[in-house]
Amino acid sequence: MTAMKMRIGICEDDPFTLATLDASLVAKEVEVVFAETSAPNALEKFSELTPHAVLIDLHLGSGPTGLDLAKSLRGISPSVGLVFLTSFESPRLLDRNFEELPAGSQYLNKQELASVDQILHALQNSVSKNRKSTFVESSDVAGLTNRQLEVLEMIANGKSNQQIAKQLALSAKAVEGISLRIAKRLGTKNDQSGNQRIQMAKAYLRSIGRFDN
């Protein structure tokens, strides 16, 4: 399918990003039939306009996620192309019960995006006859267990081991053990300055697109 013939929808909760994506794809001669900031609105427009593919942000604020929207879209049209454009290195960082993306989904990280042509290429791949999913699970933060992710998120939010232990109904020693296993998995070094926890927090924030360096 050529760009000239492609009709797409966009669901992105940030209005500025949504407008930028809309204008950039229209400039590539893609027909954007809807551009919505919420899953319910996108689902309603999809039912009316049935585009070939939908570009979806994974995290859509409060309410249904991009994963929820994608499942609903495939329920209406099993052939619709799906492209996720997100700051999350893995869907597991949004939904720890995540198992797999819908078949043939394309997964793009906003932090690694160099040009709109990458989005266009992903949209074209999402509707090809032999489409294959592009998502590959990373081995660092996203490779942690659910419990380790839970503890790491709390560390990133500035909680001490004692506070984490109380919230999770664990002993402080158990939390310390979990923290050490996280640090080993992430390759962060231990010293007396507390720098290890800072590095762990930075690793988590980078994985969800909230820390650039």
N, C-alpha and C. Protein backbone atom coordinates (compact mmCIF):
# COMPACT_ATOMS: atom_id res chain seq x y z
N MET A 1 0.85 -1.19 0.00
CA MET A 1 0.00 0.00 0.00
C MET A 1 0.89 1.24 0.00
N THR A 2 0.63 2.19 -0.86
CA THR A 2 1.43 3.40 -0.92
C THR A 2 0.93 4.41 0.10
N ALA A 3 1.80 5.38 0.40
CA ALA A 3 1.40 6.42 1.36
C ALA A 3 0.19 7.18 0.86
N MET A 4 0.10 7.38 -0.48
CA MET A 4 -1.01 8.13 -1.06
C MET A 4 -2.35 7.47 -0.75
N LYS A 5 -2.37 6.16 -0.71
CA LYS A 5 -3.63 5.44 -0.51
C LYS A 5 -3.92 5.15 0.96
N MET A 6 -2.97 5.37 1.85
CA MET A 6 -3.16 4.97 3.23
C MET A 6 -4.03 5.96 4.00
N ARG A 7 -5.01 5.41 4.73
CA ARG A 7 -5.87 6.19 5.60
C ARG A 7 -5.60 5.74 7.02
N ILE A 8 -5.25 6.68 7.89
CA ILE A 8 -4.89 6.31 9.25
C ILE A 8 -5.64 7.14 10.29
N GLY A 9 -5.65 6.63 11.51
CA GLY A 9 -6.14 7.37 12.66
C GLY A 9 -5.00 7.53 13.64
N ILE A 10 -5.08 8.53 14.51
CA ILE A 10 -4.06 8.76 15.52
C ILE A 10 -4.74 8.91 16.88
N CYS A 11 -4.16 8.29 17.90
CA CYS A 11 -4.62 8.50 19.27
C CYS A 11 -3.41 8.80 20.13
N GLU A 12 -3.31 10.05 20.58
CA GLU A 12 -2.18 10.55 21.37
C GLU A 12 -2.72 11.57 22.36
N ASP A 13 -2.43 11.37 23.66
CA ASP A 13 -3.07 12.23 24.66
C ASP A 13 -2.47 13.62 24.79
N ASP A 14 -1.27 13.84 24.26
CA ASP A 14 -0.67 15.18 24.31
C ASP A 14 -1.09 15.96 23.06
N PRO A 15 -1.85 17.05 23.21
CA PRO A 15 -2.37 17.79 22.05
C PRO A 15 -1.29 18.29 21.10
N PHE A 16 -0.16 18.76 21.66
CA PHE A 16 0.92 19.27 20.80
C PHE A 16 1.52 18.15 19.95
N THR A 17 1.82 17.01 20.60
CA THR A 17 2.36 15.87 19.87
C THR A 17 1.37 15.39 18.83
N LEU A 18 0.09 15.36 19.20
CA LEU A 18 -0.96 14.93 18.28
C LEU A 18 -0.99 15.82 17.03
N ALA A 19 -0.95 17.13 17.23
CA ALA A 19 -0.98 18.07 16.11
C ALA A 19 0.26 17.93 15.24
N THR A 20 1.41 17.70 15.88
CA THR A 20 2.66 17.53 15.14
C THR A 20 2.64 16.27 14.28
N LEU A 21 2.16 15.16 14.87
CA LEU A 21 2.06 13.92 14.11
C LEU A 21 1.10 14.06 12.94
N ASP A 22 -0.03 14.68 13.21
CA ASP A 22 -1.05 14.89 12.17
C ASP A 22 -0.45 15.66 10.99
N ALA A 23 0.16 16.80 11.28
CA ALA A 23 0.72 17.65 10.22
C ALA A 23 1.86 16.95 9.49
N SER A 24 2.71 16.23 10.23
CA SER A 24 3.86 15.57 9.61
C SER A 24 3.44 14.46 8.67
N LEU A 25 2.41 13.70 9.04
CA LEU A 25 1.96 12.60 8.19
C LEU A 25 1.17 13.11 6.99
N VAL A 26 0.39 14.16 7.18
CA VAL A 26 -0.33 14.77 6.06
C VAL A 26 0.68 15.28 5.02
N ALA A 27 1.80 15.82 5.52
CA ALA A 27 2.85 16.30 4.61
C ALA A 27 3.46 15.17 3.80
N LYS A 28 3.35 13.94 4.31
CA LYS A 28 3.84 12.75 3.59
C LYS A 28 2.74 12.12 2.73
N GLU A 29 1.65 12.85 2.54
CA GLU A 29 0.52 12.43 1.70
C GLU A 29 -0.23 11.24 2.27
N VAL A 30 -0.24 11.14 3.60
CA VAL A 30 -1.07 10.16 4.30
C VAL A 30 -2.38 10.86 4.65
N GLU A 31 -3.49 10.17 4.49
CA GLU A 31 -4.78 10.75 4.85
C GLU A 31 -5.08 10.42 6.31
N VAL A 32 -5.06 11.43 7.16
CA VAL A 32 -5.37 11.24 8.58
C VAL A 32 -6.87 11.47 8.76
N VAL A 33 -7.61 10.39 9.00
CA VAL A 33 -9.07 10.50 9.06
C VAL A 33 -9.57 10.87 10.45
N PHE A 34 -8.74 10.64 11.48
CA PHE A 34 -9.08 11.17 12.81
C PHE A 34 -7.81 11.32 13.63
N ALA A 35 -7.85 12.28 14.55
CA ALA A 35 -6.74 12.53 15.48
C ALA A 35 -7.37 12.84 16.83
N GLU A 36 -7.33 11.87 17.75
CA GLU A 36 -8.03 11.99 19.02
C GLU A 36 -7.06 11.85 20.21
N THR A 37 -7.46 12.42 21.35
CA THR A 37 -6.62 12.37 22.55
C THR A 37 -7.04 11.29 23.55
N SER A 38 -8.13 10.58 23.29
CA SER A 38 -8.58 9.54 24.22
C SER A 38 -9.00 8.29 23.48
N ALA A 39 -8.88 7.15 24.16
CA ALA A 39 -9.26 5.87 23.57
C ALA A 39 -10.73 5.80 23.19
N PRO A 40 -11.67 6.23 24.07
CA PRO A 40 -13.09 6.16 23.70
C PRO A 40 -13.41 6.95 22.44
N ASN A 41 -12.85 8.16 22.32
CA ASN A 41 -13.11 8.98 21.12
C ASN A 41 -12.51 8.34 19.88
N ALA A 42 -11.31 7.79 20.02
CA ALA A 42 -10.66 7.14 18.89
C ALA A 42 -11.46 5.92 18.44
N LEU A 43 -11.96 5.16 19.41
CA LEU A 43 -12.74 3.96 19.08
C LEU A 43 -14.03 4.33 18.36
N GLU A 44 -14.67 5.40 18.78
CA GLU A 44 -15.89 5.86 18.12
C GLU A 44 -15.62 6.29 16.68
N LYS A 45 -14.55 7.06 16.51
CA LYS A 45 -14.20 7.51 15.15
C LYS A 45 -13.78 6.35 14.26
N PHE A 46 -13.08 5.38 14.86
CA PHE A 46 -12.65 4.22 14.08
C PHE A 46 -13.84 3.46 13.53
N SER A 47 -14.87 3.28 14.35
CA SER A 47 -16.07 2.56 13.92
C SER A 47 -16.74 3.26 12.75
N GLU A 48 -16.66 4.59 12.72
CA GLU A 48 -17.29 5.36 11.65
C GLU A 48 -16.44 5.40 10.38
N LEU A 49 -15.11 5.52 10.55
CA LEU A 49 -14.24 5.85 9.43
C LEU A 49 -13.34 4.70 8.95
N THR A 50 -13.18 3.66 9.77
CA THR A 50 -12.41 2.45 9.44
C THR A 50 -11.12 2.73 8.64
N PRO A 51 -10.13 3.37 9.25
CA PRO A 51 -8.85 3.57 8.57
C PRO A 51 -8.09 2.25 8.41
N HIS A 52 -7.07 2.27 7.57
CA HIS A 52 -6.26 1.06 7.37
C HIS A 52 -5.40 0.76 8.59
N ALA A 53 -4.93 1.80 9.27
CA ALA A 53 -4.03 1.63 10.41
C ALA A 53 -4.28 2.74 11.43
N VAL A 54 -3.85 2.47 12.67
CA VAL A 54 -3.98 3.47 13.73
C VAL A 54 -2.65 3.60 14.45
N LEU A 55 -2.21 4.84 14.62
CA LEU A 55 -1.00 5.17 15.36
C LEU A 55 -1.42 5.49 16.80
N ILE A 56 -0.87 4.75 17.76
CA ILE A 56 -1.38 4.80 19.14
C ILE A 56 -0.27 5.07 20.14
N ASP A 57 -0.51 6.04 21.03
CA ASP A 57 0.37 6.23 22.17
C ASP A 57 0.03 5.16 23.20
N LEU A 58 1.03 4.58 23.83
CA LEU A 58 0.78 3.50 24.78
C LEU A 58 0.09 4.01 26.04
N HIS A 59 0.58 5.15 26.55
CA HIS A 59 0.04 5.72 27.78
C HIS A 59 -0.87 6.89 27.42
N LEU A 60 -2.17 6.74 27.68
CA LEU A 60 -3.15 7.75 27.28
C LEU A 60 -3.75 8.46 28.49
N GLY A 61 -2.94 8.61 29.55
CA GLY A 61 -3.44 9.28 30.75
C GLY A 61 -4.40 8.39 31.51
N SER A 62 -5.37 8.99 32.18
CA SER A 62 -6.36 8.21 32.93
C SER A 62 -7.32 7.53 31.95
N GLY A 63 -7.83 6.39 32.34
CA GLY A 63 -8.75 5.66 31.46
C GLY A 63 -8.04 4.57 30.70
N PRO A 64 -8.66 4.07 29.63
CA PRO A 64 -8.08 2.97 28.85
C PRO A 64 -6.70 3.32 28.30
N THR A 65 -5.83 2.33 28.27
CA THR A 65 -4.48 2.51 27.72
C THR A 65 -4.48 2.26 26.21
N GLY A 66 -3.33 2.50 25.60
CA GLY A 66 -3.19 2.20 24.18
C GLY A 66 -3.36 0.71 23.91
N LEU A 67 -2.93 -0.12 24.86
CA LEU A 67 -3.12 -1.57 24.72
C LEU A 67 -4.59 -1.94 24.71
N ASP A 68 -5.36 -1.29 25.60
CA ASP A 68 -6.81 -1.54 25.63
C ASP A 68 -7.44 -1.13 24.30
N LEU A 69 -7.04 0.02 23.80
CA LEU A 69 -7.59 0.51 22.54
C LEU A 69 -7.26 -0.44 21.40
N ALA A 70 -6.02 -0.90 21.35
CA ALA A 70 -5.60 -1.80 20.27
C ALA A 70 -6.43 -3.07 20.26
N LYS A 71 -6.69 -3.64 21.43
CA LYS A 71 -7.50 -4.85 21.51
C LYS A 71 -8.92 -4.60 21.01
N SER A 72 -9.47 -3.44 21.36
CA SER A 72 -10.82 -3.10 20.91
C SER A 72 -10.86 -2.90 19.40
N LEU A 73 -9.84 -2.26 18.85
CA LEU A 73 -9.78 -2.04 17.41
C LEU A 73 -9.72 -3.36 16.65
N ARG A 74 -8.91 -4.29 17.15
CA ARG A 74 -8.80 -5.58 16.49
C ARG A 74 -10.10 -6.38 16.62
N GLY A 75 -10.85 -6.11 17.69
CA GLY A 75 -12.15 -6.77 17.83
C GLY A 75 -13.13 -6.32 16.76
N ILE A 76 -12.98 -5.07 16.34
CA ILE A 76 -13.83 -4.53 15.27
C ILE A 76 -13.30 -4.92 13.90
N SER A 77 -11.99 -4.80 13.73
CA SER A 77 -11.37 -5.08 12.43
C SER A 77 -10.07 -5.84 12.64
N PRO A 78 -10.09 -7.17 12.50
CA PRO A 78 -8.88 -7.97 12.73
C PRO A 78 -7.71 -7.62 11.83
N SER A 79 -7.97 -6.95 10.72
CA SER A 79 -6.89 -6.65 9.78
C SER A 79 -6.27 -5.27 9.98
N VAL A 80 -6.81 -4.46 10.88
CA VAL A 80 -6.30 -3.10 11.03
C VAL A 80 -4.84 -3.11 11.47
N GLY A 81 -4.04 -2.23 10.87
CA GLY A 81 -2.65 -2.09 11.25
C GLY A 81 -2.52 -1.31 12.55
N LEU A 82 -1.59 -1.71 13.39
CA LEU A 82 -1.40 -1.06 14.68
C LEU A 82 0.06 -0.65 14.84
N VAL A 83 0.27 0.63 15.14
CA VAL A 83 1.62 1.13 15.40
C VAL A 83 1.61 1.85 16.74
N PHE A 84 2.44 1.37 17.66
CA PHE A 84 2.55 2.02 18.97
C PHE A 84 3.73 2.98 18.94
N LEU A 85 3.48 4.22 19.31
CA LEU A 85 4.53 5.24 19.41
C LEU A 85 4.56 5.70 20.86
N THR A 86 5.62 5.38 21.58
CA THR A 86 5.59 5.54 23.04
C THR A 86 6.96 5.87 23.60
N SER A 87 6.97 6.42 24.81
CA SER A 87 8.22 6.67 25.53
C SER A 87 8.63 5.47 26.38
N PHE A 88 7.75 4.48 26.50
CA PHE A 88 8.02 3.31 27.33
C PHE A 88 8.88 2.30 26.56
N GLU A 89 9.98 1.85 27.17
CA GLU A 89 10.82 0.86 26.52
C GLU A 89 10.08 -0.46 26.32
N SER A 90 9.11 -0.73 27.18
CA SER A 90 8.34 -1.97 27.10
C SER A 90 6.94 -1.74 27.62
N PRO A 91 5.93 -2.42 27.06
CA PRO A 91 4.58 -2.34 27.60
C PRO A 91 4.50 -2.82 29.05
N ARG A 92 5.45 -3.66 29.48
CA ARG A 92 5.44 -4.15 30.86
C ARG A 92 5.61 -3.02 31.87
N LEU A 93 6.20 -1.92 31.43
CA LEU A 93 6.40 -0.79 32.34
C LEU A 93 5.11 -0.01 32.55
N LEU A 94 4.12 -0.28 31.73
CA LEU A 94 2.79 0.31 31.90
C LEU A 94 1.83 -0.72 32.48
N ASP A 95 1.93 -1.95 32.02
CA ASP A 95 1.05 -3.03 32.46
C ASP A 95 1.91 -4.25 32.79
N ARG A 96 2.10 -4.52 34.07
CA ARG A 96 2.99 -5.61 34.47
C ARG A 96 2.42 -6.98 34.14
N ASN A 97 1.15 -7.04 33.78
CA ASN A 97 0.55 -8.31 33.36
C ASN A 97 0.60 -8.48 31.85
N PHE A 98 1.29 -7.57 31.17
CA PHE A 98 1.41 -7.64 29.71
C PHE A 98 2.02 -8.97 29.26
N GLU A 99 1.43 -9.55 28.22
CA GLU A 99 1.95 -10.80 27.68
C GLU A 99 2.52 -10.62 26.28
N GLU A 100 1.73 -10.06 25.37
CA GLU A 100 2.23 -9.81 24.03
C GLU A 100 1.36 -8.79 23.32
N LEU A 101 1.95 -8.11 22.35
CA LEU A 101 1.19 -7.15 21.54
C LEU A 101 0.34 -7.89 20.52
N PRO A 102 -0.73 -7.25 20.04
CA PRO A 102 -1.51 -7.87 18.96
C PRO A 102 -0.60 -8.22 17.78
N ALA A 103 -0.90 -9.30 17.10
CA ALA A 103 -0.06 -9.78 16.00
C ALA A 103 0.20 -8.69 14.96
N GLY A 104 1.44 -8.60 14.53
CA GLY A 104 1.81 -7.66 13.48
C GLY A 104 2.00 -6.22 13.92
N SER A 105 1.87 -5.97 15.23
CA SER A 105 2.02 -4.60 15.74
C SER A 105 3.45 -4.09 15.54
N GLN A 106 3.56 -2.80 15.28
CA GLN A 106 4.86 -2.15 15.16
C GLN A 106 5.07 -1.31 16.43
N TYR A 107 6.27 -1.34 16.97
CA TYR A 107 6.56 -0.66 18.24
C TYR A 107 7.69 0.33 18.05
N LEU A 108 7.41 1.61 18.24
CA LEU A 108 8.41 2.67 18.08
C LEU A 108 8.60 3.41 19.39
N ASN A 109 9.86 3.64 19.75
CA ASN A 109 10.18 4.41 20.95
C ASN A 109 10.41 5.87 20.56
N LYS A 110 9.66 6.78 21.17
CA LYS A 110 9.78 8.20 20.85
C LYS A 110 11.20 8.72 21.04
N GLN A 111 11.90 8.17 22.02
CA GLN A 111 13.25 8.64 22.31
C GLN A 111 14.26 8.24 21.23
N GLU A 112 13.91 7.24 20.44
CA GLU A 112 14.82 6.76 19.39
C GLU A 112 14.36 7.18 18.00
N LEU A 113 13.29 7.94 17.94
CA LEU A 113 12.72 8.33 16.65
C LEU A 113 13.55 9.43 16.02
N ALA A 114 13.97 9.21 14.77
CA ALA A 114 14.81 10.19 14.08
C ALA A 114 14.03 11.03 13.08
N SER A 115 12.97 10.46 12.49
CA SER A 115 12.21 11.20 11.49
C SER A 115 10.82 10.60 11.33
N VAL A 116 9.94 11.37 10.70
CA VAL A 116 8.57 10.90 10.45
C VAL A 116 8.57 9.73 9.48
N ASP A 117 9.64 9.59 8.70
CA ASP A 117 9.72 8.47 7.75
C ASP A 117 9.70 7.12 8.47
N GLN A 118 10.25 7.08 9.70
CA GLN A 118 10.21 5.84 10.47
C GLN A 118 8.77 5.48 10.82
N ILE A 119 7.97 6.48 11.14
CA ILE A 119 6.56 6.24 11.45
C ILE A 119 5.84 5.77 10.19
N LEU A 120 6.11 6.43 9.08
CA LEU A 120 5.47 6.06 7.82
C LEU A 120 5.82 4.62 7.45
N HIS A 121 7.08 4.26 7.61
CA HIS A 121 7.52 2.89 7.30
C HIS A 121 6.81 1.88 8.20
N ALA A 122 6.67 2.22 9.48
CA ALA A 122 6.00 1.32 10.42
C ALA A 122 4.53 1.16 10.05
N LEU A 123 3.88 2.25 9.67
CA LEU A 123 2.48 2.18 9.26
C LEU A 123 2.32 1.28 8.03
N GLN A 124 3.22 1.42 7.09
CA GLN A 124 3.16 0.57 5.88
C GLN A 124 3.38 -0.89 6.23
N ASN A 125 4.35 -1.16 7.13
CA ASN A 125 4.60 -2.54 7.56
C ASN A 125 3.41 -3.14 8.29
N SER A 126 2.69 -2.28 9.03
CA SER A 126 1.57 -2.77 9.85
C SER A 126 0.41 -3.30 9.01
N VAL A 127 0.34 -2.90 7.75
CA VAL A 127 -0.76 -3.34 6.89
C VAL A 127 -0.29 -4.27 5.76
N SER A 128 0.99 -4.64 5.78
CA SER A 128 1.50 -5.53 4.75
C SER A 128 0.97 -6.94 4.95
N LYS A 129 0.95 -7.73 3.89
CA LYS A 129 0.42 -9.08 3.96
C LYS A 129 1.20 -9.97 4.93
N ASN A 130 2.51 -9.82 4.94
CA ASN A 130 3.36 -10.67 5.77
C ASN A 130 3.88 -9.90 6.99
N ARG A 131 3.00 -9.08 7.57
CA ARG A 131 3.44 -8.23 8.68
C ARG A 131 3.89 -9.05 9.88
N LYS A 132 4.96 -8.58 10.51
CA LYS A 132 5.49 -9.21 11.71
C LYS A 132 5.67 -8.14 12.78
N SER A 133 5.45 -8.51 14.02
CA SER A 133 5.63 -7.56 15.12
C SER A 133 7.10 -7.18 15.23
N THR A 134 7.36 -5.91 15.56
CA THR A 134 8.74 -5.44 15.67
C THR A 134 9.20 -5.34 17.12
N PHE A 135 8.28 -5.53 18.08
CA PHE A 135 8.66 -5.37 19.48
C PHE A 135 9.56 -6.51 19.93
N VAL A 136 10.69 -6.14 20.55
CA VAL A 136 11.60 -7.11 21.15
C VAL A 136 11.80 -6.71 22.59
N GLU A 137 11.52 -7.61 23.51
CA GLU A 137 11.65 -7.30 24.94
C GLU A 137 13.09 -6.99 25.29
N SER A 138 13.31 -5.88 25.99
CA SER A 138 14.65 -5.50 26.41
C SER A 138 15.06 -6.33 27.62
N SER A 139 16.36 -6.32 27.92
CA SER A 139 16.86 -7.19 28.98
C SER A 139 17.22 -6.44 30.26
N ASP A 140 17.04 -5.11 30.30
CA ASP A 140 17.43 -4.38 31.49
C ASP A 140 16.22 -4.14 32.41
N VAL A 141 15.70 -2.91 32.47
CA VAL A 141 14.60 -2.63 33.40
C VAL A 141 13.39 -3.50 33.10
N ALA A 142 13.02 -3.60 31.83
CA ALA A 142 11.82 -4.37 31.46
C ALA A 142 11.99 -5.86 31.72
N GLY A 143 13.23 -6.30 31.91
CA GLY A 143 13.47 -7.71 32.18
C GLY A 143 13.38 -8.09 33.64
N LEU A 144 13.12 -7.10 34.50
CA LEU A 144 12.97 -7.38 35.93
C LEU A 144 11.65 -8.10 36.21
N THR A 145 11.58 -8.77 37.34
CA THR A 145 10.32 -9.40 37.74
C THR A 145 9.32 -8.32 38.14
N ASN A 146 8.05 -8.69 38.25
CA ASN A 146 7.03 -7.73 38.65
C ASN A 146 7.34 -7.13 40.02
N ARG A 147 7.78 -7.94 40.96
CA ARG A 147 8.11 -7.44 42.30
C ARG A 147 9.30 -6.48 42.23
N GLN A 148 10.29 -6.84 41.44
CA GLN A 148 11.45 -5.96 41.30
C GLN A 148 11.07 -4.63 40.65
N LEU A 149 10.20 -4.68 39.65
CA LEU A 149 9.72 -3.44 39.03
C LEU A 149 8.96 -2.58 40.04
N GLU A 150 8.17 -3.23 40.88
CA GLU A 150 7.40 -2.51 41.89
C GLU A 150 8.32 -1.79 42.86
N VAL A 151 9.36 -2.49 43.31
CA VAL A 151 10.32 -1.89 44.24
C VAL A 151 11.11 -0.79 43.55
N LEU A 152 11.53 -1.02 42.31
CA LEU A 152 12.31 -0.02 41.58
C LEU A 152 11.50 1.25 41.37
N GLU A 153 10.24 1.11 41.05
CA GLU A 153 9.39 2.29 40.87
C GLU A 153 9.33 3.10 42.17
N MET A 154 9.23 2.41 43.30
CA MET A 154 9.19 3.10 44.58
C MET A 154 10.51 3.79 44.89
N ILE A 155 11.61 3.15 44.54
CA ILE A 155 12.93 3.77 44.71
C ILE A 155 13.00 5.05 43.88
N ALA A 156 12.50 4.97 42.64
CA ALA A 156 12.51 6.13 41.75
C ALA A 156 11.63 7.25 42.28
N ASN A 157 10.62 6.89 43.08
CA ASN A 157 9.74 7.88 43.69
C ASN A 157 10.28 8.40 45.03
N GLY A 158 11.51 7.99 45.36
CA GLY A 158 12.18 8.54 46.54
C GLY A 158 11.89 7.83 47.85
N LYS A 159 11.30 6.65 47.81
CA LYS A 159 10.97 5.94 49.05
C LYS A 159 12.19 5.17 49.58
N SER A 160 12.31 5.14 50.89
CA SER A 160 13.39 4.38 51.53
C SER A 160 13.02 2.91 51.60
N ASN A 161 14.00 2.06 51.93
CA ASN A 161 13.71 0.63 52.08
C ASN A 161 12.66 0.39 53.16
N GLN A 162 12.74 1.17 54.24
CA GLN A 162 11.77 1.00 55.32
C GLN A 162 10.35 1.36 54.85
N GLN A 163 10.23 2.42 54.09
CA GLN A 163 8.92 2.82 53.58
C GLN A 163 8.38 1.80 52.59
N ILE A 164 9.26 1.28 51.74
CA ILE A 164 8.85 0.25 50.78
C ILE A 164 8.40 -1.00 51.50
N ALA A 165 9.17 -1.39 52.52
CA ALA A 165 8.83 -2.60 53.29
C ALA A 165 7.46 -2.47 53.93
N LYS A 166 7.18 -1.31 54.48
CA LYS A 166 5.88 -1.09 55.13
C LYS A 166 4.75 -1.15 54.12
N GLN A 167 4.95 -0.52 52.96
CA GLN A 167 3.89 -0.49 51.95
C GLN A 167 3.62 -1.85 51.34
N LEU A 168 4.67 -2.66 51.21
CA LEU A 168 4.51 -3.97 50.58
C LEU A 168 4.37 -5.11 51.59
N ALA A 169 4.33 -4.76 52.87
CA ALA A 169 4.20 -5.77 53.93
C ALA A 169 5.34 -6.78 53.85
N LEU A 170 6.57 -6.27 53.68
CA LEU A 170 7.76 -7.09 53.66
C LEU A 170 8.70 -6.63 54.77
N SER A 171 9.70 -7.44 55.06
CA SER A 171 10.73 -7.00 56.00
C SER A 171 11.70 -6.08 55.28
N ALA A 172 12.36 -5.22 56.04
CA ALA A 172 13.36 -4.32 55.45
C ALA A 172 14.48 -5.14 54.82
N LYS A 173 14.81 -6.28 55.44
CA LYS A 173 15.87 -7.14 54.90
C LYS A 173 15.46 -7.70 53.54
N ALA A 174 14.18 -8.07 53.40
CA ALA A 174 13.69 -8.60 52.12
C ALA A 174 13.78 -7.53 51.02
N VAL A 175 13.41 -6.32 51.37
CA VAL A 175 13.48 -5.21 50.40
C VAL A 175 14.93 -4.94 50.01
N GLU A 176 15.82 -5.00 51.00
CA GLU A 176 17.24 -4.79 50.71
C GLU A 176 17.75 -5.85 49.73
N GLY A 177 17.31 -7.11 49.92
CA GLY A 177 17.70 -8.18 49.02
C GLY A 177 17.19 -7.95 47.60
N ILE A 178 15.94 -7.52 47.51
CA ILE A 178 15.36 -7.23 46.19
C ILE A 178 16.12 -6.09 45.53
N SER A 179 16.45 -5.06 46.29
CA SER A 179 17.18 -3.91 45.75
C SER A 179 18.54 -4.32 45.23
N LEU A 180 19.22 -5.21 45.96
CA LEU A 180 20.54 -5.68 45.53
C LEU A 180 20.44 -6.47 44.23
N ARG A 181 19.37 -7.28 44.10
CA ARG A 181 19.20 -8.05 42.86
C ARG A 181 18.89 -7.13 41.68
N ILE A 182 18.13 -6.07 41.95
CA ILE A 182 17.84 -5.07 40.90
C ILE A 182 19.15 -4.41 40.46
N ALA A 183 19.94 -4.00 41.43
CA ALA A 183 21.20 -3.32 41.13
C ALA A 183 22.13 -4.21 40.32
N LYS A 184 22.17 -5.49 40.67
CA LYS A 184 23.02 -6.43 39.94
C LYS A 184 22.53 -6.57 38.51
N ARG A 185 21.21 -6.67 38.33
CA ARG A 185 20.64 -6.83 36.99
C ARG A 185 20.91 -5.58 36.13
N LEU A 186 20.85 -4.40 36.76
CA LEU A 186 21.05 -3.16 36.02
C LEU A 186 22.52 -2.77 35.91
N GLY A 187 23.37 -3.45 36.65
CA GLY A 187 24.80 -3.15 36.58
C GLY A 187 25.20 -1.87 37.28
N THR A 188 24.42 -1.45 38.29
CA THR A 188 24.77 -0.24 39.03
C THR A 188 25.73 -0.60 40.17
N LYS A 189 26.69 0.29 40.43
CA LYS A 189 27.73 0.02 41.41
C LYS A 189 27.34 0.57 42.78
N ASN A 190 27.77 -0.15 43.82
CA ASN A 190 27.46 0.24 45.19
C ASN A 190 28.59 1.07 45.77
N ASP A 191 28.24 2.14 46.48
CA ASP A 191 29.22 2.91 47.25
C ASP A 191 28.51 3.51 48.46
N GLN A 192 29.22 4.28 49.23
CA GLN A 192 28.65 4.82 50.47
C GLN A 192 27.89 6.13 50.26
N SER A 193 27.87 6.64 49.05
CA SER A 193 27.27 7.96 48.80
C SER A 193 25.78 7.90 48.52
N GLY A 194 25.24 6.70 48.35
CA GLY A 194 23.84 6.58 47.95
C GLY A 194 23.65 6.72 46.46
N ASN A 195 24.77 6.79 45.73
CA ASN A 195 24.71 6.98 44.29
C ASN A 195 24.05 5.81 43.58
N GLN A 196 24.16 4.60 44.16
CA GLN A 196 23.57 3.43 43.52
C GLN A 196 22.06 3.58 43.37
N ARG A 197 21.39 4.05 44.40
CA ARG A 197 19.93 4.24 44.33
C ARG A 197 19.58 5.33 43.32
N ILE A 198 20.42 6.34 43.22
CA ILE A 198 20.19 7.39 42.22
C ILE A 198 20.29 6.82 40.81
N GLN A 199 21.32 5.99 40.59
CA GLN A 199 21.49 5.38 39.27
C GLN A 199 20.34 4.43 38.94
N MET A 200 19.86 3.71 39.94
CA MET A 200 18.72 2.82 39.74
C MET A 200 17.48 3.62 39.38
N ALA A 201 17.27 4.73 40.10
CA ALA A 201 16.12 5.59 39.81
C ALA A 201 16.20 6.16 38.41
N LYS A 202 17.40 6.59 38.00
CA LYS A 202 17.58 7.15 36.65
C LYS A 202 17.28 6.10 35.59
N ALA A 203 17.72 4.86 35.84
CA ALA A 203 17.47 3.79 34.87
C ALA A 203 15.98 3.57 34.68
N TYR A 204 15.23 3.60 35.78
CA TYR A 204 13.78 3.42 35.68
C TYR A 204 13.14 4.59 34.94
N LEU A 205 13.52 5.81 35.30
CA LEU A 205 12.93 6.99 34.67
C LEU A 205 13.26 7.05 33.18
N ARG A 206 14.47 6.64 32.80
CA ARG A 206 14.81 6.58 31.37
C ARG A 206 13.91 5.58 30.65
N SER A 207 13.61 4.47 31.30
CA SER A 207 12.83 3.40 30.66
C SER A 207 11.38 3.82 30.38
N ILE A 208 10.90 4.85 31.10
CA ILE A 208 9.54 5.34 30.84
C ILE A 208 9.55 6.73 30.21
N GLY A 209 10.74 7.13 29.72
CA GLY A 209 10.84 8.38 28.97
C GLY A 209 10.81 9.64 29.80
N ARG A 210 11.19 9.55 31.07
CA ARG A 210 11.14 10.73 31.94
C ARG A 210 12.51 11.23 32.36
N PHE A 211 13.57 10.66 31.79
CA PHE A 211 14.92 11.11 32.11
C PHE A 211 15.77 10.90 30.87
N ASP A 212 16.45 11.96 30.41
CA ASP A 212 17.15 11.90 29.13
C ASP A 212 18.63 11.53 29.23
N ASN A 213 19.25 11.76 30.37
CA ASN A 213 20.71 11.56 30.46
C ASN A 213 21.07 10.40 31.37
